[in-house]
C-alpha cells in the first residue's frame, strides 16, 4: 500500500522508522492499530503502511553540489 505519507521517505528513512517503532513496541509501547500479529516488526510495518507511526524525520537542507 503506497500513499503520500509513506512515499515521501527514502528506503533508508523507512527502514530506520520501522526499526525504531518495532523496538518501541517490543519494549512495551502501546500498539496504535488493531491487529492479530504479535511480531513487533509486522506491527510496525502495518502502522507504517497506514501512516500512523508517531515518528518524524528531520532533514538537513539540501547542500549545493561542488
N, C-alpha and C. Protein backbone atom coordinates (compact mmCIF):
# COMPACT_ATOMS: atom_id res chain seq x y z
N UNK A 1 0.84 -1.18 0.00
CA UNK A 1 0.00 0.00 0.00
C UNK A 1 0.89 1.24 0.00
N UNK A 2 0.77 2.05 -1.00
CA UNK A 2 1.56 3.27 -1.10
C UNK A 2 0.61 4.46 -1.04
N UNK A 3 0.91 5.39 -0.15
CA UNK A 3 0.16 6.63 -0.12
C UNK A 3 1.14 7.78 0.07
N UNK A 4 0.64 8.98 0.08
CA UNK A 4 1.52 10.14 0.14
C UNK A 4 2.31 10.20 1.43
N UNK A 5 1.83 9.58 2.50
CA UNK A 5 2.55 9.62 3.76
C UNK A 5 3.78 8.73 3.75
N UNK A 6 3.76 7.63 3.02
CA UNK A 6 4.92 6.74 3.00
C UNK A 6 5.83 6.99 1.83
N UNK A 7 5.36 7.61 0.75
CA UNK A 7 6.20 7.84 -0.41
C UNK A 7 7.24 8.93 -0.19
N UNK A 8 7.05 9.78 0.78
CA UNK A 8 7.98 10.88 0.98
C UNK A 8 9.27 10.45 1.67
N UNK A 9 9.36 9.21 2.13
CA UNK A 9 10.54 8.74 2.82
C UNK A 9 11.43 7.95 1.87
N UNK A 10 12.75 8.07 2.07
CA UNK A 10 13.67 7.21 1.31
C UNK A 10 13.60 5.81 1.92
N UNK A 11 14.17 4.85 1.25
CA UNK A 11 14.13 3.49 1.80
C UNK A 11 14.93 3.39 3.10
N UNK A 12 15.94 4.23 3.24
CA UNK A 12 16.74 4.23 4.46
C UNK A 12 15.95 4.83 5.62
N UNK A 13 15.25 5.92 5.34
CA UNK A 13 14.41 6.53 6.37
C UNK A 13 13.30 5.57 6.78
N UNK A 14 12.71 4.93 5.79
CA UNK A 14 11.63 3.97 6.09
C UNK A 14 12.15 2.83 6.98
N UNK A 15 13.32 2.30 6.66
CA UNK A 15 13.90 1.21 7.46
C UNK A 15 14.19 1.68 8.89
N UNK A 16 14.69 2.88 9.02
CA UNK A 16 15.02 3.42 10.35
C UNK A 16 13.76 3.65 11.16
N UNK A 17 12.72 4.18 10.53
CA UNK A 17 11.46 4.45 11.23
C UNK A 17 10.81 3.15 11.67
N UNK A 18 10.72 2.19 10.77
CA UNK A 18 10.08 0.91 11.11
C UNK A 18 10.88 0.19 12.19
N UNK A 19 12.20 0.23 12.10
CA UNK A 19 13.03 -0.41 13.12
C UNK A 19 12.87 0.23 14.48
N UNK A 20 12.83 1.56 14.50
CA UNK A 20 12.66 2.27 15.77
C UNK A 20 11.29 1.99 16.37
N UNK A 21 10.26 1.97 15.53
CA UNK A 21 8.91 1.71 16.02
C UNK A 21 8.77 0.27 16.51
N UNK A 22 9.39 -0.68 15.80
CA UNK A 22 9.35 -2.07 16.24
C UNK A 22 10.01 -2.22 17.61
N UNK A 23 11.10 -1.52 17.83
CA UNK A 23 11.77 -1.55 19.13
C UNK A 23 10.87 -0.96 20.21
N UNK A 24 10.18 0.13 19.89
CA UNK A 24 9.25 0.72 20.85
C UNK A 24 8.18 -0.29 21.24
N UNK A 25 7.59 -0.95 20.25
CA UNK A 25 6.54 -1.93 20.52
C UNK A 25 7.09 -3.08 21.35
N UNK A 26 8.29 -3.55 21.00
CA UNK A 26 8.93 -4.63 21.75
C UNK A 26 9.13 -4.26 23.22
N UNK A 27 9.44 -2.98 23.46
CA UNK A 27 9.70 -2.52 24.83
C UNK A 27 8.43 -2.15 25.58
N UNK A 28 7.26 -2.35 24.96
CA UNK A 28 6.01 -2.16 25.68
C UNK A 28 5.19 -0.94 25.31
N UNK A 29 5.58 -0.23 24.26
CA UNK A 29 4.79 0.93 23.82
C UNK A 29 3.42 0.45 23.32
N UNK A 30 2.40 1.26 23.47
CA UNK A 30 1.07 0.83 23.01
C UNK A 30 1.03 0.69 21.49
N UNK A 31 0.33 -0.33 21.04
CA UNK A 31 0.13 -0.57 19.61
C UNK A 31 -1.00 0.33 19.15
N UNK A 32 -0.82 1.04 18.04
CA UNK A 32 -1.76 2.05 17.59
C UNK A 32 -2.82 1.52 16.63
N UNK A 33 -2.78 0.23 16.32
CA UNK A 33 -3.74 -0.36 15.40
C UNK A 33 -4.29 -1.64 16.01
N UNK A 34 -5.41 -2.08 15.49
CA UNK A 34 -5.94 -3.40 15.87
C UNK A 34 -5.35 -4.41 14.91
N UNK A 35 -4.67 -5.40 15.47
CA UNK A 35 -4.02 -6.42 14.65
C UNK A 35 -3.97 -7.73 15.41
N UNK A 36 -3.90 -8.82 14.67
CA UNK A 36 -3.76 -10.14 15.27
C UNK A 36 -2.29 -10.50 15.45
N UNK A 37 -1.41 -9.75 14.81
CA UNK A 37 0.02 -10.04 14.84
C UNK A 37 0.60 -9.74 16.22
N UNK A 38 1.57 -10.56 16.62
CA UNK A 38 2.28 -10.30 17.87
C UNK A 38 3.74 -9.94 17.60
N UNK A 39 4.14 -10.00 16.33
CA UNK A 39 5.51 -9.68 15.94
C UNK A 39 5.67 -8.16 15.85
N UNK A 40 6.56 -7.57 16.64
CA UNK A 40 6.72 -6.11 16.62
C UNK A 40 7.06 -5.54 15.26
N UNK A 41 7.84 -6.27 14.45
CA UNK A 41 8.21 -5.79 13.13
C UNK A 41 6.98 -5.74 12.20
N UNK A 42 6.16 -6.77 12.26
CA UNK A 42 4.95 -6.77 11.44
C UNK A 42 3.99 -5.66 11.87
N UNK A 43 3.89 -5.44 13.16
CA UNK A 43 3.03 -4.36 13.68
C UNK A 43 3.54 -3.02 13.18
N UNK A 44 4.86 -2.80 13.26
CA UNK A 44 5.45 -1.54 12.81
C UNK A 44 5.25 -1.33 11.31
N UNK A 45 5.37 -2.40 10.53
CA UNK A 45 5.15 -2.29 9.09
C UNK A 45 3.69 -1.94 8.78
N UNK A 46 2.76 -2.55 9.50
CA UNK A 46 1.35 -2.23 9.29
C UNK A 46 1.07 -0.77 9.66
N UNK A 47 1.65 -0.31 10.77
CA UNK A 47 1.47 1.09 11.16
C UNK A 47 2.08 2.02 10.11
N UNK A 48 3.22 1.66 9.57
CA UNK A 48 3.86 2.48 8.54
C UNK A 48 2.99 2.56 7.29
N UNK A 49 2.43 1.42 6.90
CA UNK A 49 1.58 1.40 5.71
C UNK A 49 0.34 2.28 5.90
N UNK A 50 -0.15 2.34 7.13
CA UNK A 50 -1.33 3.18 7.43
C UNK A 50 -0.95 4.64 7.67
N UNK A 51 0.35 4.90 7.82
CA UNK A 51 0.82 6.27 8.01
C UNK A 51 0.54 6.83 9.39
N UNK A 52 0.53 5.98 10.42
CA UNK A 52 0.20 6.46 11.76
C UNK A 52 1.34 6.31 12.77
N UNK A 53 2.53 6.05 12.29
CA UNK A 53 3.67 5.94 13.21
C UNK A 53 3.99 7.34 13.75
N UNK A 54 4.10 7.48 15.07
CA UNK A 54 4.35 8.79 15.66
C UNK A 54 5.83 9.18 15.68
N UNK A 55 6.47 9.09 14.54
CA UNK A 55 7.88 9.42 14.40
C UNK A 55 8.02 10.37 13.22
N UNK A 56 8.81 11.41 13.39
CA UNK A 56 9.04 12.35 12.29
C UNK A 56 10.51 12.29 11.88
N UNK A 57 10.77 12.74 10.66
CA UNK A 57 12.12 12.77 10.12
C UNK A 57 12.55 14.22 9.96
N UNK A 58 13.69 14.55 10.53
CA UNK A 58 14.26 15.89 10.35
C UNK A 58 15.41 15.76 9.36
N UNK A 59 15.37 16.56 8.32
CA UNK A 59 16.42 16.51 7.30
C UNK A 59 17.18 17.83 7.28
N UNK A 60 18.46 17.73 6.95
CA UNK A 60 19.24 18.94 6.70
C UNK A 60 18.80 19.51 5.38
N UNK A 61 18.97 20.81 5.22
CA UNK A 61 18.64 21.39 3.93
C UNK A 61 19.62 20.88 2.89
N UNK A 62 19.15 20.78 1.66
CA UNK A 62 19.98 20.27 0.58
C UNK A 62 21.22 21.14 0.42
N UNK A 63 22.35 20.48 0.29
CA UNK A 63 23.60 21.20 0.06
C UNK A 63 23.83 21.31 -1.44
N UNK A 64 24.43 22.38 -1.87
CA UNK A 64 24.71 22.53 -3.30
C UNK A 64 25.90 21.65 -3.65
N UNK A 65 25.87 21.12 -4.86
CA UNK A 65 26.96 20.25 -5.29
C UNK A 65 28.20 21.09 -5.61
N UNK A 66 29.33 20.48 -5.46
CA UNK A 66 30.60 21.21 -5.65
C UNK A 66 31.03 21.21 -7.06
